[in-house]
Amino acid sequence: MVGTLGETPGLPDGAPDRFDLLDWGAQRERPYPMAELKVRSEIAGSVWRIEVAVGDEVAADDPLIVLESMKMEIPLLSPRAGVVREILVGEGDPIDEGDIAVILE
């Protein structure tokens, strides 16, 4: 396809010329939600304290839940930054190794 000077062929309608592509891409809204991440317990025990609420923004390594096992408190940390979409456990609930505790997006 042959275009005029300053145009980049093959871009969708409404896209800016080639000099503004990086800015245009950053301003577009995502056509799909960010992938969800299921945060699983690494130990068996009980849920001692929930540190977050649905809708909270968390950073990598932020504590989500504190588990109790054998009289020790073990934090369940966020593996990456995200937003808490769902909390699947309650305080005092038993939890097994591998159980999904929190879903992030």
C-alpha atoms as a PDB file:
ATOM      1  CA  MET A   1       0.000   0.000   0.000  1.00  0.00           C
ATOM      2  CA  VAL A   2       1.325   3.428  -0.889  1.00  0.00           C
ATOM      3  CA  GLY A   3       0.590   6.324   1.439  1.00  0.00           C
ATOM      4  CA  THR A   4       1.296   9.989   1.367  1.00  0.00           C
ATOM      5  CA  LEU A   5       4.308  11.505   3.067  1.00  0.00           C
ATOM      6  CA  GLY A   6       3.973  11.349   6.869  1.00  0.00           C
ATOM      7  CA  GLU A   7       1.352   8.575   6.894  1.00  0.00           C
ATOM      8  CA  THR A   8       2.016   5.029   7.981  1.00  0.00           C
ATOM      9  CA  PRO A   9       0.092   2.476   5.915  1.00  0.00           C
ATOM     10  CA  GLY A  10      -1.743  -0.314   7.685  1.00  0.00           C
ATOM     11  CA  LEU A  11      -2.788   1.560  10.829  1.00  0.00           C
ATOM     12  CA  PRO A  12      -6.391   1.409  12.085  1.00  0.00           C
ATOM     13  CA  ASP A  13      -8.772   4.269  11.344  1.00  0.00           C
ATOM     14  CA  GLY A  14      -8.212   7.162  13.710  1.00  0.00           C
ATOM     15  CA  ALA A  15      -4.613   6.226  14.444  1.00  0.00           C
ATOM     16  CA  PRO A  16      -2.131   9.099  14.340  1.00  0.00           C
ATOM     17  CA  ASP A  17       0.840   9.274  12.023  1.00  0.00           C
ATOM     18  CA  ARG A  18       4.001   7.326  12.767  1.00  0.00           C
ATOM     19  CA  PHE A  19       5.518  10.059  14.949  1.00  0.00           C
ATOM     20  CA  ASP A  20       2.711   9.855  17.497  1.00  0.00           C
ATOM     21  CA  LEU A  21       2.337   6.068  17.698  1.00  0.00           C
ATOM     22  CA  LEU A  22       3.908   5.606  21.124  1.00  0.00           C
ATOM     23  CA  ASP A  23       1.748   8.277  22.699  1.00  0.00           C
ATOM     24  CA  TRP A  24      -1.390   6.944  20.977  1.00  0.00           C
ATOM     25  CA  GLY A  25      -0.769   3.410  22.220  1.00  0.00           C
ATOM     26  CA  ALA A  26      -0.341   4.570  25.813  1.00  0.00           C
ATOM     27  CA  GLN A  27      -3.621   6.501  25.788  1.00  0.00           C
ATOM     28  CA  ARG A  28      -5.834   3.734  24.430  1.00  0.00           C
ATOM     29  CA  GLU A  29      -7.984   1.848  26.909  1.00  0.00           C
ATOM     30  CA  ARG A  30      -7.357  -1.859  27.262  1.00  0.00           C
ATOM     31  CA  PRO A  31      -9.895  -3.848  25.239  1.00  0.00           C
ATOM     32  CA  TYR A  32      -9.627  -6.642  27.844  1.00  0.00           C
ATOM     33  CA  PRO A  33      -9.180  -6.749  31.633  1.00  0.00           C
ATOM     34  CA  MET A  34      -5.823  -7.558  33.141  1.00  0.00           C
ATOM     35  CA  ALA A  35      -5.307 -11.285  33.698  1.00  0.00           C
ATOM     36  CA  GLU A  36      -6.415 -12.564  37.071  1.00  0.00           C
ATOM     37  CA  LEU A  37      -4.014 -14.161  39.503  1.00  0.00           C
ATOM     38  CA  LYS A  38      -5.110 -16.739  42.058  1.00  0.00           C
ATOM     39  CA  VAL A  39      -3.039 -16.417  45.232  1.00  0.00           C
ATOM     40  CA  ARG A  40      -2.747 -19.793  46.963  1.00  0.00           C
ATOM     41  CA  SER A  41      -1.782 -20.732  50.486  1.00  0.00           C
ATOM     42  CA  GLU A  42       1.666 -22.274  50.805  1.00  0.00           C
ATOM     43  CA  ILE A  43       0.850 -23.926  54.142  1.00  0.00           C
ATOM     44  CA  ALA A  44      -2.006 -25.594  55.977  1.00  0.00           C
ATOM     45  CA  GLY A  45      -3.350 -23.700  58.971  1.00  0.00           C
ATOM     46  CA  SER A  46      -6.049 -21.161  59.708  1.00  0.00           C
ATOM     47  CA  VAL A  47      -6.738 -17.613  58.578  1.00  0.00           C
ATOM     48  CA  TRP A  48      -5.727 -15.400  61.481  1.00  0.00           C
ATOM     49  CA  ARG A  49      -6.207 -11.929  59.964  1.00  0.00           C
ATOM     50  CA  ILE A  50      -7.233 -10.473  56.593  1.00  0.00           C
ATOM     51  CA  GLU A  51      -5.112  -7.423  55.733  1.00  0.00           C
ATOM     52  CA  VAL A  52      -6.915  -6.235  52.571  1.00  0.00           C
ATOM     53  CA  ALA A  53     -10.427  -5.592  51.274  1.00  0.00           C
ATOM     54  CA  VAL A  54     -11.996  -6.104  47.857  1.00  0.00           C
ATOM     55  CA  GLY A  55     -11.007  -3.200  45.609  1.00  0.00           C
ATOM     56  CA  ASP A  56      -7.733  -2.434  47.424  1.00  0.00           C
ATOM     57  CA  GLU A  57      -4.670  -1.787  45.278  1.00  0.00           C
ATOM     58  CA  VAL A  58      -1.673  -3.823  46.400  1.00  0.00           C
ATOM     59  CA  ALA A  59       2.004  -3.816  45.468  1.00  0.00           C
ATOM     60  CA  ALA A  60       4.273  -6.823  45.102  1.00  0.00           C
ATOM     61  CA  ASP A  61       5.101  -8.350  48.504  1.00  0.00           C
ATOM     62  CA  ASP A  62       2.256  -6.575  50.338  1.00  0.00           C
ATOM     63  CA  PRO A  63       0.663  -8.854  52.975  1.00  0.00           C
ATOM     64  CA  LEU A  64      -2.808 -10.024  51.923  1.00  0.00           C
ATOM     65  CA  ILE A  65      -3.654 -12.439  54.698  1.00  0.00           C
ATOM     66  CA  VAL A  66      -1.907 -13.624  57.853  1.00  0.00           C
ATOM     67  CA  LEU A  67      -2.100 -17.370  58.407  1.00  0.00           C
ATOM     68  CA  GLU A  68      -1.567 -19.159  61.709  1.00  0.00           C
ATOM     69  CA  SER A  69       0.071 -22.552  61.792  1.00  0.00           C
ATOM     70  CA  MET A  70       1.644 -24.250  64.812  1.00  0.00           C
ATOM     71  CA  LYS A  71       1.393 -21.002  66.835  1.00  0.00           C
ATOM     72  CA  MET A  72       3.326 -19.033  64.173  1.00  0.00           C
ATOM     73  CA  GLU A  73       1.975 -16.144  62.086  1.00  0.00           C
ATOM     74  CA  ILE A  74       2.859 -16.449  58.396  1.00  0.00           C
ATOM     75  CA  PRO A  75       1.921 -13.673  55.953  1.00  0.00           C
ATOM     76  CA  LEU A  76       0.549 -14.581  52.541  1.00  0.00           C
ATOM     77  CA  LEU A  77       2.177 -11.972  50.281  1.00  0.00           C
ATOM     78  CA  SER A  78       1.031 -10.546  46.964  1.00  0.00           C
ATOM     79  CA  PRO A  79       3.210 -11.967  44.159  1.00  0.00           C
ATOM     80  CA  ARG A  80       2.713  -8.833  42.026  1.00  0.00           C
ATOM     81  CA  ALA A  81       0.965  -5.479  41.993  1.00  0.00           C
ATOM     82  CA  GLY A  82      -2.756  -5.542  41.309  1.00  0.00           C
ATOM     83  CA  VAL A  83      -6.251  -4.959  42.640  1.00  0.00           C
ATOM     84  CA  VAL A  84      -7.994  -7.339  45.042  1.00  0.00           C
ATOM     85  CA  ARG A  85     -10.956  -8.739  43.122  1.00  0.00           C
ATOM     86  CA  GLU A  86     -12.146 -11.416  45.546  1.00  0.00           C
ATOM     87  CA  ILE A  87     -11.291 -12.816  48.989  1.00  0.00           C
ATOM     88  CA  LEU A  88     -12.299 -16.462  49.268  1.00  0.00           C
ATOM     89  CA  VAL A  89     -11.604 -17.043  52.978  1.00  0.00           C
ATOM     90  CA  GLY A  90     -12.715 -15.503  56.249  1.00  0.00           C
ATOM     91  CA  GLU A  91     -10.948 -14.958  59.541  1.00  0.00           C
ATOM     92  CA  GLY A  92     -10.823 -18.200  61.518  1.00  0.00           C
ATOM     93  CA  ASP A  93     -11.370 -20.404  58.455  1.00  0.00           C
ATOM     94  CA  PRO A  94      -9.166 -23.480  58.063  1.00  0.00           C
ATOM     95  CA  ILE A  95      -6.993 -23.424  54.939  1.00  0.00           C
ATOM     96  CA  ASP A  96      -5.011 -26.189  53.252  1.00  0.00           C
ATOM     97  CA  GLU A  97      -1.817 -25.940  51.252  1.00  0.00           C
ATOM     98  CA  GLY A  98      -2.735 -24.954  47.687  1.00  0.00           C
ATOM     99  CA  ASP A  99      -6.160 -23.481  48.531  1.00  0.00           C
ATOM    100  CA  ILE A 100      -7.000 -20.239  46.695  1.00  0.00           C
ATOM    101  CA  ALA A 101      -7.275 -17.418  49.240  1.00  0.00           C
ATOM    102  CA  VAL A 102      -7.350 -14.221  47.135  1.00  0.00           C
ATOM    103  CA  ILE A 103      -7.886 -13.352  43.491  1.00  0.00           C
ATOM    104  CA  LEU A 104      -6.029 -10.337  42.084  1.00  0.00           C
ATOM    105  CA  GLU A 105      -6.413  -8.639  38.724  1.00  0.00           C
END
